[in-house]
Amino acid sequence: MRETLQKLVDKMNEDPSGLDHLSATYNFILSEGGQYSIEFFDQGVELNEEATDHAKCSLRLKKENLHKLIDGQLNATSAFMMGKIKVDGNIGLALKLQNVLNNYR
């Protein structure tokens, strides 16, 4: 999972125009174990291999569903409604993340 997330972060840092001025920290908590945080700031992105207390939005999901979300095979809104993703915190930021991910497919 780390490799997949790092590739995404690298792609975003190479061309930050698709970040839509997003400034927020997200936690990704995997049901199989593993936690990551991604921080979007001033047209840059940073990946950490642990969850953080200052995240405004935390997504709880299976590793398989995170891969699908990144690849565009899973819509965040539909996944939330079906219970495949649980969101703690700002749901609006979860929707904003979906838009940003769409820019990097």
C-alpha atoms as a PDB file:
ATOM      1  CA  MET A   1       0.000   0.000   0.000  1.00  0.00           C
ATOM      2  CA  ARG A   2       2.832   2.365   0.827  1.00  0.00           C
ATOM      3  CA  GLU A   3       4.208   2.094  -2.715  1.00  0.00           C
ATOM      4  CA  THR A   4       0.831   2.892  -4.252  1.00  0.00           C
ATOM      5  CA  LEU A   5       0.337   5.920  -2.018  1.00  0.00           C
ATOM      6  CA  GLN A   6       3.900   7.135  -2.603  1.00  0.00           C
ATOM      7  CA  LYS A   7       3.425   6.948  -6.387  1.00  0.00           C
ATOM      8  CA  LEU A   8       0.268   9.005  -6.055  1.00  0.00           C
ATOM      9  CA  VAL A   9       1.979  11.588  -3.829  1.00  0.00           C
ATOM     10  CA  ASP A  10       4.933  11.805  -6.234  1.00  0.00           C
ATOM     11  CA  LYS A  11       2.580  12.366  -9.166  1.00  0.00           C
ATOM     12  CA  MET A  12       0.780  15.110  -7.232  1.00  0.00           C
ATOM     13  CA  ASN A  13       4.037  16.826  -6.282  1.00  0.00           C
ATOM     14  CA  GLU A  14       5.251  16.713  -9.903  1.00  0.00           C
ATOM     15  CA  ASP A  15       2.139  18.557 -11.050  1.00  0.00           C
ATOM     16  CA  PRO A  16       0.290  20.213  -8.144  1.00  0.00           C
ATOM     17  CA  SER A  17      -2.155  22.011 -10.458  1.00  0.00           C
ATOM     18  CA  GLY A  18      -4.767  19.280  -9.868  1.00  0.00           C
ATOM     19  CA  LEU A  19      -4.774  19.777  -6.089  1.00  0.00           C
ATOM     20  CA  ASP A  20      -7.310  22.615  -6.354  1.00  0.00           C
ATOM     21  CA  HIS A  21      -5.591  24.504  -3.498  1.00  0.00           C
ATOM     22  CA  LEU A  22      -6.515  21.747  -1.053  1.00  0.00           C
ATOM     23  CA  SER A  23      -5.100  22.329   2.413  1.00  0.00           C
ATOM     24  CA  ALA A  24      -5.989  19.470   4.760  1.00  0.00           C
ATOM     25  CA  THR A  25      -4.698  16.292   6.340  1.00  0.00           C
ATOM     26  CA  TYR A  26      -6.373  12.936   5.785  1.00  0.00           C
ATOM     27  CA  ASN A  27      -5.915   9.696   7.703  1.00  0.00           C
ATOM     28  CA  PHE A  28      -6.360   6.370   5.949  1.00  0.00           C
ATOM     29  CA  ILE A  29      -6.989   3.604   8.462  1.00  0.00           C
ATOM     30  CA  LEU A  30      -6.997   0.159   6.898  1.00  0.00           C
ATOM     31  CA  SER A  31      -9.151  -2.583   8.394  1.00  0.00           C
ATOM     32  CA  GLU A  32      -6.407  -5.150   7.766  1.00  0.00           C
ATOM     33  CA  GLY A  33      -3.948  -3.046   9.747  1.00  0.00           C
ATOM     34  CA  GLY A  34      -1.866  -0.111   8.661  1.00  0.00           C
ATOM     35  CA  GLN A  35      -2.404   3.599   8.936  1.00  0.00           C
ATOM     36  CA  TYR A  36      -1.286   6.442   6.724  1.00  0.00           C
ATOM     37  CA  SER A  37      -1.792  10.159   6.622  1.00  0.00           C
ATOM     38  CA  ILE A  38      -1.538  12.428   3.620  1.00  0.00           C
ATOM     39  CA  GLU A  39      -1.104  16.133   4.147  1.00  0.00           C
ATOM     40  CA  PHE A  40      -1.976  18.596   1.402  1.00  0.00           C
ATOM     41  CA  PHE A  41      -0.392  22.025   1.873  1.00  0.00           C
ATOM     42  CA  ASP A  42       0.637  25.032  -0.230  1.00  0.00           C
ATOM     43  CA  GLN A  43       0.549  23.117  -3.500  1.00  0.00           C
ATOM     44  CA  GLY A  44       2.441  20.119  -2.116  1.00  0.00           C
ATOM     45  CA  VAL A  45       1.699  16.721  -0.615  1.00  0.00           C
ATOM     46  CA  GLU A  46       3.399  14.647   2.082  1.00  0.00           C
ATOM     47  CA  LEU A  47       2.835  10.989   2.995  1.00  0.00           C
ATOM     48  CA  ASN A  48       3.351   9.630   6.521  1.00  0.00           C
ATOM     49  CA  GLU A  49       3.161   5.989   7.611  1.00  0.00           C
ATOM     50  CA  GLU A  50       0.997   6.675  10.632  1.00  0.00           C
ATOM     51  CA  ALA A  51      -2.254   8.427  11.397  1.00  0.00           C
ATOM     52  CA  THR A  52      -2.081  11.899  12.887  1.00  0.00           C
ATOM     53  CA  ASP A  53      -4.177  13.637  15.526  1.00  0.00           C
ATOM     54  CA  HIS A  54      -4.612  16.790  13.458  1.00  0.00           C
ATOM     55  CA  ALA A  55      -6.351  15.174  10.466  1.00  0.00           C
ATOM     56  CA  LYS A  56      -9.619  16.867   9.546  1.00  0.00           C
ATOM     57  CA  CYS A  57     -10.904  13.734   7.806  1.00  0.00           C
ATOM     58  CA  SER A  58     -10.251  10.052   8.492  1.00  0.00           C
ATOM     59  CA  LEU A  59     -11.245   7.309   6.096  1.00  0.00           C
ATOM     60  CA  ARG A  60     -11.634   3.757   7.400  1.00  0.00           C
ATOM     61  CA  LEU A  61     -11.643   1.150   4.669  1.00  0.00           C
ATOM     62  CA  LYS A  62     -10.157  -2.077   3.349  1.00  0.00           C
ATOM     63  CA  LYS A  63      -6.835  -1.938   1.530  1.00  0.00           C
ATOM     64  CA  GLU A  64      -8.578  -3.284  -1.583  1.00  0.00           C
ATOM     65  CA  ASN A  65     -11.056  -0.392  -1.510  1.00  0.00           C
ATOM     66  CA  LEU A  66      -8.284   2.185  -1.109  1.00  0.00           C
ATOM     67  CA  HIS A  67      -6.606   0.786  -4.220  1.00  0.00           C
ATOM     68  CA  LYS A  68      -9.911   1.009  -6.085  1.00  0.00           C
ATOM     69  CA  LEU A  69     -10.487   4.564  -4.847  1.00  0.00           C
ATOM     70  CA  ILE A  70      -7.067   5.650  -6.102  1.00  0.00           C
ATOM     71  CA  ASP A  71      -7.503   3.836  -9.438  1.00  0.00           C
ATOM     72  CA  GLY A  72     -10.939   5.334 -10.048  1.00  0.00           C
ATOM     73  CA  GLN A  73     -12.770   2.015  -9.783  1.00  0.00           C
ATOM     74  CA  LEU A  74     -14.596   3.124  -6.628  1.00  0.00           C
ATOM     75  CA  ASN A  75     -16.532   6.345  -6.159  1.00  0.00           C
ATOM     76  CA  ALA A  76     -16.107   7.756  -2.647  1.00  0.00           C
ATOM     77  CA  THR A  77     -19.727   8.868  -2.358  1.00  0.00           C
ATOM     78  CA  SER A  78     -21.141   5.517  -3.463  1.00  0.00           C
ATOM     79  CA  ALA A  79     -18.664   3.632  -1.273  1.00  0.00           C
ATOM     80  CA  PHE A  80     -19.692   5.737   1.726  1.00  0.00           C
ATOM     81  CA  MET A  81     -23.384   5.042   1.085  1.00  0.00           C
ATOM     82  CA  MET A  82     -22.674   1.296   0.766  1.00  0.00           C
ATOM     83  CA  GLY A  83     -20.596   1.229   3.946  1.00  0.00           C
ATOM     84  CA  LYS A  84     -17.329   0.420   2.165  1.00  0.00           C
ATOM     85  CA  ILE A  85     -15.789   3.622   3.507  1.00  0.00           C
ATOM     86  CA  LYS A  86     -16.419   5.119   6.917  1.00  0.00           C
ATOM     87  CA  VAL A  87     -15.653   8.794   7.339  1.00  0.00           C
ATOM     88  CA  ASP A  88     -14.762  10.441  10.621  1.00  0.00           C
ATOM     89  CA  GLY A  89     -14.564  14.217  10.591  1.00  0.00           C
ATOM     90  CA  ASN A  90     -15.320  16.541   7.709  1.00  0.00           C
ATOM     91  CA  ILE A  91     -17.334  14.676   5.054  1.00  0.00           C
ATOM     92  CA  GLY A  92     -16.952  17.625   2.683  1.00  0.00           C
ATOM     93  CA  LEU A  93     -13.208  17.011   2.663  1.00  0.00           C
ATOM     94  CA  ALA A  94     -13.810  13.389   1.690  1.00  0.00           C
ATOM     95  CA  LEU A  95     -15.752  14.620  -1.341  1.00  0.00           C
ATOM     96  CA  LYS A  96     -12.995  17.134  -2.141  1.00  0.00           C
ATOM     97  CA  LEU A  97     -10.466  14.283  -2.033  1.00  0.00           C
ATOM     98  CA  GLN A  98     -12.516  12.390  -4.629  1.00  0.00           C
ATOM     99  CA  ASN A  99     -12.280  15.413  -6.952  1.00  0.00           C
ATOM    100  CA  VAL A 100      -8.513  15.692  -6.462  1.00  0.00           C
ATOM    101  CA  LEU A 101      -8.001  11.959  -7.074  1.00  0.00           C
ATOM    102  CA  ASN A 102      -9.961  12.290 -10.323  1.00  0.00           C
ATOM    103  CA  ASN A 103      -7.338  14.807 -11.487  1.00  0.00           C
ATOM    104  CA  TYR A 104      -4.541  12.226 -11.150  1.00  0.00           C
ATOM    105  CA  ARG A 105      -5.913   9.233 -13.031  1.00  0.00           C
END
